[in-house]
Protein backbone atom coordinates (compact mmCIF):
# COMPACT_ATOMS: atom_id res chain seq x y z
CA MET A 1 9.04 -21.85 -0.94
CA THR A 2 8.11 -18.96 1.32
CA ILE A 3 6.09 -15.79 1.77
CA SER A 4 7.04 -13.03 4.16
CA CYS A 5 6.19 -9.69 5.68
CA ILE A 6 8.37 -7.16 7.50
CA LEU A 7 7.64 -5.24 10.68
CA VAL A 8 9.62 -2.14 11.59
CA TRP A 9 10.27 -0.23 14.81
CA ARG A 10 11.82 3.23 15.15
CA GLN A 11 13.01 4.78 18.38
CA GLN A 12 10.87 7.67 19.62
CA PRO A 13 12.06 10.43 21.99
CA ASP A 14 9.76 9.30 24.82
CA GLY A 15 9.85 5.57 24.03
CA PRO A 16 12.14 2.64 24.85
CA GLN A 17 15.77 2.78 23.82
CA ASN A 18 17.21 0.61 21.06
CA ARG A 19 18.74 -1.91 23.46
CA GLN A 20 15.46 -2.24 25.37
CA ALA A 21 13.61 -2.76 22.10
CA THR A 22 16.02 -5.48 20.99
CA GLU A 23 15.72 -7.24 24.35
CA ALA A 24 11.92 -7.09 24.14
CA LEU A 25 11.90 -8.66 20.68
CA VAL A 26 14.39 -11.37 21.66
CA ALA A 27 12.30 -12.18 24.75
CA ALA A 28 9.15 -12.39 22.63
CA LEU A 29 10.78 -14.83 20.21
CA GLU A 30 12.18 -16.92 23.05
CA GLY A 31 8.69 -17.01 24.54
CA LEU A 32 7.48 -18.47 21.26
CA ARG A 33 10.26 -21.07 21.54
CA ALA A 34 11.99 -19.87 18.40
CA SER A 35 15.58 -21.13 18.20
CA ALA A 36 18.29 -18.93 16.67
CA ARG A 37 20.09 -20.59 13.77
CA ARG A 38 22.28 -18.26 11.72
CA GLY A 39 23.01 -14.72 10.61
CA TRP A 40 21.58 -12.87 7.64
CA ALA A 41 22.14 -9.56 5.87
CA VAL A 42 20.67 -7.34 3.18
CA GLN A 43 22.73 -4.53 1.67
CA ILE A 44 21.27 -1.63 -0.29
CA SER A 45 23.27 0.85 -2.34
CA ALA A 46 21.05 3.81 -3.14
CA GLN A 47 21.96 5.42 -6.45
CA GLN A 48 20.76 8.78 -7.70
CA PRO A 49 20.87 9.94 -11.32
CA LEU A 50 23.17 12.76 -12.35
CA VAL A 51 21.97 15.68 -14.43
CA GLU A 52 24.07 18.05 -16.48
CA GLY A 53 27.12 19.32 -14.63
CA GLY A 54 27.43 16.15 -12.55
CA GLN A 55 24.81 17.22 -10.01
CA ARG A 56 22.42 14.76 -8.38
CA GLY A 57 18.86 15.02 -9.54
CA SER A 58 15.56 13.24 -9.83
CA GLY A 59 12.13 13.83 -11.20
CA LYS A 60 13.48 14.33 -14.73
CA LYS A 61 12.17 12.53 -17.78
CA GLY A 62 13.65 9.04 -17.96
CA ALA A 63 15.57 9.46 -14.69
CA ALA A 64 15.41 6.86 -11.93
CA ASP A 65 16.32 6.55 -8.28
CA VAL A 66 17.71 3.03 -7.90
CA TYR A 67 18.10 0.84 -4.82
CA ILE A 68 20.63 -1.89 -5.65
CA THR A 69 19.67 -4.68 -3.26
CA SER A 70 21.74 -7.75 -2.33
CA ILE A 71 20.34 -10.49 -0.08
CA SER A 72 22.73 -12.85 1.73
CA GLU A 73 20.69 -15.96 0.93
CA LEU A 74 20.83 -15.12 -2.79
CA LYS A 75 24.56 -14.74 -3.29
CA ASP A 76 24.42 -14.87 -7.08
CA SER A 77 21.64 -12.31 -7.50
CA THR A 78 21.33 -8.55 -7.23
CA PHE A 79 18.10 -6.63 -7.68
CA LEU A 80 17.50 -3.11 -8.96
CA VAL A 81 14.47 -1.51 -7.34
CA ALA A 82 13.83 1.67 -9.30
CA ARG A 83 11.45 4.59 -9.49
CA VAL A 84 11.48 5.85 -13.07
CA TYR A 85 10.19 9.37 -13.67
CA HIS A 86 8.26 10.38 -16.78
CA THR A 87 7.05 13.75 -17.97
CA LEU A 88 3.49 14.01 -19.26
CA HIS A 89 1.96 16.47 -21.68
CA LYS A 90 -0.99 18.21 -20.04
CA GLU A 91 -3.19 17.57 -23.07
CA LEU A 92 -2.72 13.82 -22.49
CA ARG A 93 -3.56 13.96 -18.78
CA PRO A 94 -4.91 17.47 -18.07
CA ASN A 95 -6.10 16.80 -14.52
CA SER A 96 -2.82 15.39 -13.23
CA THR A 97 0.61 16.67 -12.34
CA SER A 98 3.17 16.99 -15.11
CA ALA A 99 5.21 13.99 -13.96
CA TRP A 100 4.52 10.46 -12.77
CA GLN A 101 6.49 7.53 -11.40
CA GLN A 102 6.82 4.04 -12.80
CA ARG A 103 8.25 1.54 -10.34
CA GLN A 104 10.30 -1.41 -11.55
CA VAL A 105 12.30 -4.27 -10.06
CA LEU A 106 14.89 -6.11 -12.15
CA GLU A 107 17.38 -8.89 -11.44
CA ALA A 108 20.92 -8.00 -12.49
CA GLU A 109 24.52 -9.15 -12.28
CA ASN A 110 26.39 -8.62 -9.02
CA GLY A 111 28.72 -6.09 -10.63
CA ILE A 112 25.92 -3.69 -11.51
CA VAL A 113 27.21 -1.00 -9.10
CA GLU A 114 30.52 -0.76 -10.93
CA ILE A 115 28.73 -0.72 -14.27
CA LEU A 116 26.60 2.24 -13.18
CA ARG A 117 29.67 4.06 -11.90
CA LYS A 118 31.48 3.58 -15.20
CA THR A 119 28.58 5.05 -17.13
CA SER A 120 28.93 8.25 -15.05
CA SER A 121 25.14 8.56 -15.06
CA TYR A 122 24.61 7.60 -11.41
CA LYS A 123 26.23 8.54 -8.13
CA ASP A 124 26.20 6.87 -4.70
CA ASN A 125 23.57 8.46 -2.47
CA PHE A 126 23.90 6.29 0.65
CA LEU A 127 24.67 2.75 1.75
CA PHE A 128 22.20 0.94 4.00
CA LYS A 129 22.52 -2.47 5.63
CA PHE A 130 20.15 -4.78 7.46
CA GLU A 131 21.79 -7.48 9.58
CA GLY A 132 20.81 -9.83 12.36
CA THR A 133 19.95 -13.42 13.25
CA MET A 134 17.28 -15.79 11.98
CA SER A 135 15.24 -18.00 14.30
CA VAL A 136 13.08 -20.99 13.39
CA MET A 137 9.74 -21.99 14.90
CA GLY A 138 7.90 -24.79 13.12
CA ASP A 139 6.86 -23.61 9.66
CA PHE A 140 8.01 -20.06 10.43
CA SER A 141 11.37 -18.35 10.20
CA ILE A 142 11.84 -15.03 11.98
CA LYS A 143 14.60 -12.61 11.08
CA LEU A 144 15.42 -10.03 13.74
CA GLY A 145 17.81 -7.31 12.64
CA ARG A 146 19.03 -3.73 12.71
CA GLY A 147 18.77 -1.16 9.95
CA LEU A 148 22.12 0.63 9.71
CA LEU A 149 23.00 3.68 7.62
CA LYS A 150 26.62 3.52 6.41
CA GLY A 151 27.03 0.34 8.47
CA PHE A 152 26.95 1.96 11.91
CA GLU A 153 24.17 4.57 12.34
CA LEU A 154 21.15 2.72 13.73
CA LYS A 155 17.91 3.85 12.07
CA GLY A 156 15.54 1.18 13.35
CA LEU A 157 14.82 -2.50 14.01
CA VAL A 158 13.16 -4.95 11.64
CA VAL A 159 11.39 -8.26 12.09
CA GLU A 160 10.78 -10.33 8.97
CA VAL A 161 8.30 -13.18 9.40
CA LEU A 162 8.56 -15.94 6.78
CA TYR A 163 6.02 -18.73 6.32
CA ARG A 164 7.68 -21.53 4.39
CA PRO A 165 4.96 -23.96 3.20
CA THR A 166 3.62 -21.70 0.43
CA THR A 167 4.56 -18.98 -2.05
CA ASP A 168 0.93 -17.93 -2.59
CA ILE A 169 0.60 -14.52 -0.93
CA LYS A 170 -3.20 -14.52 -0.73
CA ALA A 171 -3.42 -18.06 0.62
CA GLY A 172 -0.73 -17.55 3.25
CA ARG A 173 -1.66 -14.03 4.29
CA PRO A 174 -4.18 -15.01 7.03
CA ILE A 175 -1.54 -17.24 8.65
CA LEU A 176 1.04 -14.44 8.59
CA GLU A 177 -1.48 -12.01 10.07
CA ALA A 178 -2.25 -14.39 12.93
CA PHE A 179 1.45 -14.73 13.74
CA ILE A 180 2.00 -10.96 13.56
CA GLN A 181 -0.88 -10.39 15.96
CA ILE A 182 0.65 -12.80 18.48
CA LEU A 183 4.04 -11.09 18.21
CA GLN A 184 2.55 -7.61 18.59
CA GLU A 185 0.53 -8.70 21.62
CA ARG A 186 3.67 -10.05 23.28
CA THR A 187 5.62 -6.84 22.66
CA HIS A 188 2.90 -4.18 22.97
CA ALA A 189 3.56 -3.31 26.62
CA THR A 190 7.33 -2.98 26.25
CA LEU A 191 7.63 -2.10 22.57
CA PRO A 192 4.78 0.07 21.23
CA GLY A 193 5.03 1.10 17.62
CA LEU A 194 6.07 -2.22 16.08
CA ARG A 195 4.12 -2.29 12.81
CA GLU A 196 4.04 -3.92 9.42
CA VAL A 197 5.33 -2.12 6.33
CA VAL A 198 2.90 -2.51 3.43
CA CYS A 199 4.56 -3.02 0.06
CA PRO A 200 3.02 -1.83 -3.23
CA TRP A 201 3.35 -5.08 -5.20
CA VAL A 202 1.03 -3.94 -8.00
CA GLU A 203 3.06 -0.79 -8.62
CA TYR A 204 6.09 -3.01 -9.33
CA SER A 205 4.05 -5.37 -11.55
CA LEU A 206 4.65 -8.24 -9.11
CA GLY A 207 2.14 -11.06 -8.95
CA ASN A 208 0.59 -13.13 -6.19
CA ILE A 209 3.40 -15.72 -6.09
CA PHE A 210 6.18 -14.57 -3.76
CA THR A 211 9.61 -14.39 -5.42
CA PRO A 212 13.06 -13.02 -4.52
CA ALA A 213 12.03 -9.82 -6.34
CA HIS A 214 9.24 -9.39 -3.78
CA SER A 215 11.83 -9.64 -1.01
CA ALA A 216 14.03 -7.01 -2.67
CA VAL A 217 11.08 -4.62 -2.93
CA GLN A 218 10.23 -5.24 0.73
CA TYR A 219 13.66 -4.24 1.97
CA ALA A 220 13.94 -1.28 -0.41
CA THR A 221 10.56 -0.05 0.87
CA VAL A 222 11.63 -0.44 4.51
CA CYS A 223 14.94 1.30 3.77
CA ALA A 224 13.15 4.27 2.19
CA GLU A 225 10.81 4.52 5.17
CA LEU A 226 13.63 4.43 7.73
CA MET A 227 15.48 7.14 5.80
CA ASN A 228 12.49 9.51 5.80
């Protein structure tokens, strides 16, 4: 049982360096008496649909950009976080653009990447990995990690705050917000720019009870933001 939110930090030209940022976050967690327990990782394989001629493409009818997301705590599960594109006839929606997105998240078998490759309808776009350590403080778990493109190019830092006693997002949200405020206050002077990433649960047809699919959408959303 848990709910969670993710904060992200990106290095700015005139801001602290990555090592300074990591040290500031570690110091803040130590100040909260959070004890490090174990490592964690999330791996995302971004797939892009192929159009005729084997070229990458998106925005076509029925096409989808897919983030294949694997979470270390869920070894037997893989999630597909997809944006499916549809073309609309103007007479059906005259005041809108001619295309719209439908977002979906699906649980799949671990071998889904190979299956997509064999269909020759998708091609690897990039590989992204989050990795770090998890600390525990009372009813909270805090994951501090790095966002790495291709396993080595640092794109930013992430802090996932998990509140374990409930899976009800609305009920637990005020408690998460209070913890986030404390963490931001402790890091504001040395680490400006640490902020929460808001996830569009409704757009993925996800309900108010937090599930592993929510977690997959969170990390796919953070990945997309760090890549922009």
